[in-house]
C-alpha cells in the first residue's frame, strides 16, 4: 500500500466517524451539559459540598459507531441521588432537546426507559422528561420538566403505552404550561426543581 492509499483510507475513516456524530447529537449533548449545570448537583460526587441537593450517579453519553452501541444507551440520560433530606432516594432524567416545541416521544424509547426503571424500583422513584426547545445565549429558550406519569401510562406486562393526551391536544391547549422551568436569579430560582407532581414543579 502506498502513502496515497493510506492517507485516503484514513481520511475516509475520519469522515465516516464525524458523519455519524450529527448536529442533533451535538445539540443533545449541549442541552445535557446545561441540565447538569443547572440542577443543583454537587460537582465532585465523592466530596459533599454541604449545599447541593443531588449527586450525579450516572450520565450516559450514548456512544455508538457504525451500528454498535452499549446497552446503557437505552437507559435514561441521568440518574441522580438525593443527598439532602431523605437518603437512598433516586430519580431518572431523560433529556430531550428540540429546535422547535415538540413533546413527541418514541414508543420504543419509552419502553426502554420504563424497563430500566422497573428493574430498579423502588430505588428509582420517578422518571422525568426534561424538554429543551430552541437555543439562545448559551441556554435553551424554553424548558419543560414533566414526570412520565403526566405524559403516559405504561403496562409492563403487555408493553402497552397509553398516552394521556394527543400531541395535537398538548400543543393546542398548552397542556404542560405549568411544567415550564423558569430559572430567575432575581427571584431566587437558581436550579431546576425535580418534584413528583406536575403542578409542584
C-alpha atoms as a PDB file:
ATOM      1  CA  UNK A   1       0.000   0.000   0.000  1.00  0.00           C
ATOM      2  CA  UNK A   2       1.442   3.364  -0.977  1.00  0.00           C
ATOM      3  CA  UNK A   3       1.250   6.556   1.046  1.00  0.00           C
ATOM      4  CA  UNK A   4      -1.617   7.986  -1.024  1.00  0.00           C
ATOM      5  CA  UNK A   5      -3.827   4.924  -0.394  1.00  0.00           C
ATOM      6  CA  UNK A   6      -3.020   5.031   3.326  1.00  0.00           C
ATOM      7  CA  UNK A   7      -3.912   8.741   3.623  1.00  0.00           C
ATOM      8  CA  UNK A   8      -7.049   8.244   1.546  1.00  0.00           C
ATOM      9  CA  UNK A   9      -8.236   5.400   3.799  1.00  0.00           C
ATOM     10  CA  UNK A  10      -7.549   7.427   6.966  1.00  0.00           C
ATOM     11  CA  UNK A  11      -9.476  10.402   5.585  1.00  0.00           C
ATOM     12  CA  UNK A  12     -12.457   8.161   4.714  1.00  0.00           C
ATOM     13  CA  UNK A  13     -12.420   6.644   8.225  1.00  0.00           C
ATOM     14  CA  UNK A  14     -12.253  10.083   9.834  1.00  0.00           C
ATOM     15  CA  UNK A  15     -15.091  11.418   7.663  1.00  0.00           C
ATOM     16  CA  UNK A  16     -17.259   8.370   8.484  1.00  0.00           C
ATOM     17  CA  UNK A  17     -16.595   8.906  12.220  1.00  0.00           C
ATOM     18  CA  UNK A  18     -17.629  12.555  12.213  1.00  0.00           C
ATOM     19  CA  UNK A  19     -20.554  11.955   9.862  1.00  0.00           C
ATOM     20  CA  UNK A  20     -22.087   9.636  12.460  1.00  0.00           C
ATOM     21  CA  UNK A  21     -21.849  12.431  15.064  1.00  0.00           C
ATOM     22  CA  UNK A  22     -24.753  14.509  13.798  1.00  0.00           C
ATOM     23  CA  UNK A  23     -25.870  18.030  14.568  1.00  0.00           C
ATOM     24  CA  UNK A  24     -28.725  16.549  16.632  1.00  0.00           C
ATOM     25  CA  UNK A  25     -26.192  14.615  18.759  1.00  0.00           C
ATOM     26  CA  UNK A  26     -24.183  17.790  19.340  1.00  0.00           C
ATOM     27  CA  UNK A  27     -27.305  19.767  20.309  1.00  0.00           C
ATOM     28  CA  UNK A  28     -28.481  16.976  22.615  1.00  0.00           C
ATOM     29  CA  UNK A  29     -25.085  16.807  24.350  1.00  0.00           C
ATOM     30  CA  UNK A  30     -25.037  20.592  24.753  1.00  0.00           C
ATOM     31  CA  UNK A  31     -28.510  20.502  26.347  1.00  0.00           C
ATOM     32  CA  UNK A  32     -27.494  17.707  28.749  1.00  0.00           C
ATOM     33  CA  UNK A  33     -24.479  19.766  29.842  1.00  0.00           C
ATOM     34  CA  UNK A  34     -26.801  22.718  30.512  1.00  0.00           C
ATOM     35  CA  UNK A  35     -29.190  20.480  32.511  1.00  0.00           C
ATOM     36  CA  UNK A  36     -26.391  19.108  34.696  1.00  0.00           C
ATOM     37  CA  UNK A  37     -25.006  22.564  35.429  1.00  0.00           C
ATOM     38  CA  UNK A  38     -28.494  23.874  36.345  1.00  0.00           C
ATOM     39  CA  UNK A  39     -29.726  21.024  38.555  1.00  0.00           C
ATOM     40  CA  UNK A  40     -28.085  21.757  41.941  1.00  0.00           C
ATOM     41  CA  UNK A  41     -25.743  18.773  41.557  1.00  0.00           C
ATOM     42  CA  UNK A  42     -22.533  18.697  43.570  1.00  0.00           C
ATOM     43  CA  UNK A  43     -19.535  18.991  41.249  1.00  0.00           C
ATOM     44  CA  UNK A  44     -17.466  16.197  42.757  1.00  0.00           C
ATOM     45  CA  UNK A  45     -19.665  13.168  43.513  1.00  0.00           C
ATOM     46  CA  UNK A  46     -17.185  11.980  46.167  1.00  0.00           C
ATOM     47  CA  UNK A  47     -16.922  15.273  48.061  1.00  0.00           C
ATOM     48  CA  UNK A  48     -20.106  16.668  49.636  1.00  0.00           C
ATOM     49  CA  UNK A  49     -20.177  20.457  49.440  1.00  0.00           C
ATOM     50  CA  UNK A  50     -22.908  20.924  52.070  1.00  0.00           C
ATOM     51  CA  UNK A  51     -25.201  22.918  49.765  1.00  0.00           C
ATOM     52  CA  UNK A  52     -26.080  20.718  46.771  1.00  0.00           C
ATOM     53  CA  UNK A  53     -29.275  18.667  46.638  1.00  0.00           C
ATOM     54  CA  UNK A  54     -28.263  15.946  44.155  1.00  0.00           C
ATOM     55  CA  UNK A  55     -25.343  13.662  43.467  1.00  0.00           C
ATOM     56  CA  UNK A  56     -24.813  12.557  39.867  1.00  0.00           C
ATOM     57  CA  UNK A  57     -24.643   8.745  39.861  1.00  0.00           C
ATOM     58  CA  UNK A  58     -24.806   8.043  36.124  1.00  0.00           C
ATOM     59  CA  UNK A  59     -24.562  10.188  32.998  1.00  0.00           C
ATOM     60  CA  UNK A  60     -24.784   8.324  29.739  1.00  0.00           C
ATOM     61  CA  UNK A  61     -23.102   9.713  26.648  1.00  0.00           C
ATOM     62  CA  UNK A  62     -24.906   7.490  24.118  1.00  0.00           C
ATOM     63  CA  UNK A  63     -21.729   6.447  22.344  1.00  0.00           C
ATOM     64  CA  UNK A  64     -22.004   4.498  19.109  1.00  0.00           C
ATOM     65  CA  UNK A  65     -20.098   3.744  15.925  1.00  0.00           C
ATOM     66  CA  UNK A  66     -21.298   2.107  12.678  1.00  0.00           C
ATOM     67  CA  UNK A  67     -24.284   0.440  14.348  1.00  0.00           C
ATOM     68  CA  UNK A  68     -22.505  -0.711  17.540  1.00  0.00           C
ATOM     69  CA  UNK A  69     -23.752   0.721  20.818  1.00  0.00           C
ATOM     70  CA  UNK A  70     -23.829  -0.207  24.502  1.00  0.00           C
ATOM     71  CA  UNK A  71     -26.927  -1.495  26.295  1.00  0.00           C
ATOM     72  CA  UNK A  72     -26.585   1.502  28.644  1.00  0.00           C
ATOM     73  CA  UNK A  73     -27.530   3.773  25.685  1.00  0.00           C
ATOM     74  CA  UNK A  74     -31.109   2.528  26.116  1.00  0.00           C
ATOM     75  CA  UNK A  75     -31.406   3.867  29.681  1.00  0.00           C
ATOM     76  CA  UNK A  76     -32.326   7.436  30.785  1.00  0.00           C
ATOM     77  CA  UNK A  77     -29.565  10.051  30.476  1.00  0.00           C
ATOM     78  CA  UNK A  78     -29.126  10.922  34.168  1.00  0.00           C
ATOM     79  CA  UNK A  79     -29.534   9.090  37.462  1.00  0.00           C
ATOM     80  CA  UNK A  80     -29.496  11.442  40.452  1.00  0.00           C
ATOM     81  CA  UNK A  81     -29.312  10.573  44.142  1.00  0.00           C
ATOM     82  CA  UNK A  82     -30.859  12.882  46.706  1.00  0.00           C
ATOM     83  CA  UNK A  83     -28.223  13.848  49.268  1.00  0.00           C
ATOM     84  CA  UNK A  84     -30.315  16.413  51.121  1.00  0.00           C
ATOM     85  CA  UNK A  85     -33.189  15.197  53.262  1.00  0.00           C
ATOM     86  CA  UNK A  86     -34.410  11.662  52.506  1.00  0.00           C
ATOM     87  CA  UNK A  87     -31.470   9.414  51.699  1.00  0.00           C
ATOM     88  CA  UNK A  88     -31.374   6.430  49.338  1.00  0.00           C
ATOM     89  CA  UNK A  89     -33.757   8.254  47.023  1.00  0.00           C
ATOM     90  CA  UNK A  90     -33.043   8.308  43.289  1.00  0.00           C
ATOM     91  CA  UNK A  91     -34.647   9.807  40.186  1.00  0.00           C
ATOM     92  CA  UNK A  92     -34.028   9.287  36.476  1.00  0.00           C
ATOM     93  CA  UNK A  93     -33.966  12.161  33.991  1.00  0.00           C
ATOM     94  CA  UNK A  94     -34.237  11.814  30.225  1.00  0.00           C
ATOM     95  CA  UNK A  95     -33.186  14.989  28.397  1.00  0.00           C
ATOM     96  CA  UNK A  96     -34.917  15.777  25.097  1.00  0.00           C
ATOM     97  CA  UNK A  97     -33.679  18.738  23.078  1.00  0.00           C
ATOM     98  CA  UNK A  98     -35.707  20.047  20.145  1.00  0.00           C
ATOM     99  CA  UNK A  99     -35.214  23.086  17.912  1.00  0.00           C
ATOM    100  CA  UNK A 100     -38.973  23.700  17.983  1.00  0.00           C
ATOM    101  CA  UNK A 101     -41.582  22.935  20.650  1.00  0.00           C
ATOM    102  CA  UNK A 102     -42.477  19.266  20.302  1.00  0.00           C
ATOM    103  CA  UNK A 103     -43.309  16.734  23.040  1.00  0.00           C
ATOM    104  CA  UNK A 104     -43.251  13.638  20.815  1.00  0.00           C
ATOM    105  CA  UNK A 105     -41.695  10.513  22.374  1.00  0.00           C
ATOM    106  CA  UNK A 106     -40.732   7.328  20.522  1.00  0.00           C
ATOM    107  CA  UNK A 107     -42.660   4.356  21.977  1.00  0.00           C
ATOM    108  CA  UNK A 108     -39.594   2.072  21.734  1.00  0.00           C
ATOM    109  CA  UNK A 109     -37.564   4.601  23.756  1.00  0.00           C
ATOM    110  CA  UNK A 110     -40.318   4.833  26.379  1.00  0.00           C
ATOM    111  CA  UNK A 111     -40.292   1.049  26.697  1.00  0.00           C
ATOM    112  CA  UNK A 112     -36.506   1.047  27.163  1.00  0.00           C
ATOM    113  CA  UNK A 113     -36.647   3.712  29.886  1.00  0.00           C
ATOM    114  CA  UNK A 114     -39.593   2.119  31.682  1.00  0.00           C
ATOM    115  CA  UNK A 115     -37.953  -1.318  31.690  1.00  0.00           C
ATOM    116  CA  UNK A 116     -34.818   0.227  33.158  1.00  0.00           C
ATOM    117  CA  UNK A 117     -36.850   1.929  35.925  1.00  0.00           C
ATOM    118  CA  UNK A 118     -38.942  -1.199  36.638  1.00  0.00           C
ATOM    119  CA  UNK A 119     -35.811  -3.271  37.195  1.00  0.00           C
ATOM    120  CA  UNK A 120     -34.586  -0.743  39.776  1.00  0.00           C
ATOM    121  CA  UNK A 121     -37.771   0.020  41.720  1.00  0.00           C
ATOM    122  CA  UNK A 122     -38.260   1.110  44.430  1.00  0.00           C
ATOM    123  CA  UNK A 123     -34.732   2.530  44.295  1.00  0.00           C
ATOM    124  CA  UNK A 124     -35.540   4.902  41.408  1.00  0.00           C
ATOM    125  CA  UNK A 125     -38.755   6.683  42.364  1.00  0.00           C
ATOM    126  CA  UNK A 126     -39.578   8.836  39.346  1.00  0.00           C
ATOM    127  CA  UNK A 127     -38.691   9.196  35.675  1.00  0.00           C
ATOM    128  CA  UNK A 128     -38.691  12.790  34.426  1.00  0.00           C
ATOM    129  CA  UNK A 129     -38.605  14.036  30.852  1.00  0.00           C
ATOM    130  CA  UNK A 130     -36.806  17.341  30.596  1.00  0.00           C
ATOM    131  CA  UNK A 131     -37.582  19.016  27.262  1.00  0.00           C
ATOM    132  CA  UNK A 132     -35.500  21.893  25.938  1.00  0.00           C
ATOM    133  CA  UNK A 133     -36.685  23.982  22.991  1.00  0.00           C
ATOM    134  CA  UNK A 134     -34.588  26.385  20.938  1.00  0.00           C
ATOM    135  CA  UNK A 135     -31.221  27.822  21.937  1.00  0.00           C
ATOM    136  CA  UNK A 136     -30.127  31.369  22.691  1.00  0.00           C
ATOM    137  CA  UNK A 137     -27.321  32.920  24.776  1.00  0.00           C
ATOM    138  CA  UNK A 138     -25.864  29.543  25.827  1.00  0.00           C
ATOM    139  CA  UNK A 139     -29.155  28.174  27.166  1.00  0.00           C
ATOM    140  CA  UNK A 140     -32.468  26.789  25.923  1.00  0.00           C
ATOM    141  CA  UNK A 141     -35.172  29.319  25.130  1.00  0.00           C
ATOM    142  CA  UNK A 142     -37.795  27.202  26.912  1.00  0.00           C
ATOM    143  CA  UNK A 143     -37.574  24.206  29.258  1.00  0.00           C
ATOM    144  CA  UNK A 144     -40.353  21.912  30.480  1.00  0.00           C
ATOM    145  CA  UNK A 145     -39.909  19.338  33.249  1.00  0.00           C
ATOM    146  CA  UNK A 146     -42.589  16.636  33.192  1.00  0.00           C
ATOM    147  CA  UNK A 147     -42.932  13.406  35.201  1.00  0.00           C
ATOM    148  CA  UNK A 148     -43.523  10.425  32.905  1.00  0.00           C
ATOM    149  CA  UNK A 149     -46.853   9.746  34.659  1.00  0.00           C
ATOM    150  CA  UNK A 150     -48.193  13.088  33.358  1.00  0.00           C
ATOM    151  CA  UNK A 151     -47.499  12.011  29.747  1.00  0.00           C
ATOM    152  CA  UNK A 152     -48.431   8.327  29.556  1.00  0.00           C
ATOM    153  CA  UNK A 153     -49.328   5.136  31.402  1.00  0.00           C
ATOM    154  CA  UNK A 154     -47.082   2.123  30.815  1.00  0.00           C
ATOM    155  CA  UNK A 155     -48.146  -1.505  31.342  1.00  0.00           C
ATOM    156  CA  UNK A 156     -45.040  -3.611  31.846  1.00  0.00           C
ATOM    157  CA  UNK A 157     -46.948  -6.875  31.446  1.00  0.00           C
ATOM    158  CA  UNK A 158     -48.268  -6.081  27.979  1.00  0.00           C
ATOM    159  CA  UNK A 159     -45.762  -3.408  26.954  1.00  0.00           C
ATOM    160  CA  UNK A 160     -48.714  -1.124  26.168  1.00  0.00           C
ATOM    161  CA  UNK A 161     -48.192   2.628  26.297  1.00  0.00           C
ATOM    162  CA  UNK A 162     -51.319   4.758  26.664  1.00  0.00           C
ATOM    163  CA  UNK A 163     -50.692   8.434  26.037  1.00  0.00           C
ATOM    164  CA  UNK A 164     -52.866  10.606  28.258  1.00  0.00           C
ATOM    165  CA  UNK A 165     -53.172  13.332  25.617  1.00  0.00           C
ATOM    166  CA  UNK A 166     -52.638  13.509  21.872  1.00  0.00           C
ATOM    167  CA  UNK A 167     -49.664  15.533  20.660  1.00  0.00           C
ATOM    168  CA  UNK A 168     -52.081  17.872  18.909  1.00  0.00           C
ATOM    169  CA  UNK A 169     -54.042  18.438  22.134  1.00  0.00           C
ATOM    170  CA  UNK A 170     -50.867  19.024  24.152  1.00  0.00           C
ATOM    171  CA  UNK A 171     -49.674  21.742  21.805  1.00  0.00           C
ATOM    172  CA  UNK A 172     -53.045  23.406  21.101  1.00  0.00           C
ATOM    173  CA  UNK A 173     -54.153  23.520  24.726  1.00  0.00           C
ATOM    174  CA  UNK A 174     -50.643  24.076  26.072  1.00  0.00           C
ATOM    175  CA  UNK A 175     -51.158  21.118  28.411  1.00  0.00           C
ATOM    176  CA  UNK A 176     -47.727  21.395  30.014  1.00  0.00           C
ATOM    177  CA  UNK A 177     -47.595  25.149  30.600  1.00  0.00           C
ATOM    178  CA  UNK A 178     -47.427  24.508  34.376  1.00  0.00           C
ATOM    179  CA  UNK A 179     -44.331  22.386  33.871  1.00  0.00           C
ATOM    180  CA  UNK A 180     -42.267  25.186  32.345  1.00  0.00           C
ATOM    181  CA  UNK A 181     -38.983  25.762  34.161  1.00  0.00           C
ATOM    182  CA  UNK A 182     -38.113  29.376  34.913  1.00  0.00           C
ATOM    183  CA  UNK A 183     -34.612  29.956  36.238  1.00  0.00           C
ATOM    184  CA  UNK A 184     -34.915  33.509  37.507  1.00  0.00           C
ATOM    185  CA  UNK A 185     -31.982  34.516  39.678  1.00  0.00           C
ATOM    186  CA  UNK A 186     -33.688  37.782  40.634  1.00  0.00           C
ATOM    187  CA  UNK A 187     -36.458  35.744  42.335  1.00  0.00           C
ATOM    188  CA  UNK A 188     -34.101  33.250  43.949  1.00  0.00           C
ATOM    189  CA  UNK A 189     -34.723  30.436  41.428  1.00  0.00           C
ATOM    190  CA  UNK A 190     -31.298  29.138  40.504  1.00  0.00           C
ATOM    191  CA  UNK A 191     -31.905  25.448  39.843  1.00  0.00           C
ATOM    192  CA  UNK A 192     -34.293  23.044  38.179  1.00  0.00           C
ATOM    193  CA  UNK A 193     -36.585  21.621  40.878  1.00  0.00           C
ATOM    194  CA  UNK A 194     -37.460  17.945  40.432  1.00  0.00           C
ATOM    195  CA  UNK A 195     -40.768  17.114  42.113  1.00  0.00           C
ATOM    196  CA  UNK A 196     -43.165  14.214  41.721  1.00  0.00           C
ATOM    197  CA  UNK A 197     -46.369  16.119  40.950  1.00  0.00           C
ATOM    198  CA  UNK A 198     -46.578  18.115  37.775  1.00  0.00           C
ATOM    199  CA  UNK A 199     -48.237  21.094  39.476  1.00  0.00           C
ATOM    200  CA  UNK A 200     -45.493  21.192  42.143  1.00  0.00           C
ATOM    201  CA  UNK A 201     -42.690  21.814  39.648  1.00  0.00           C
END
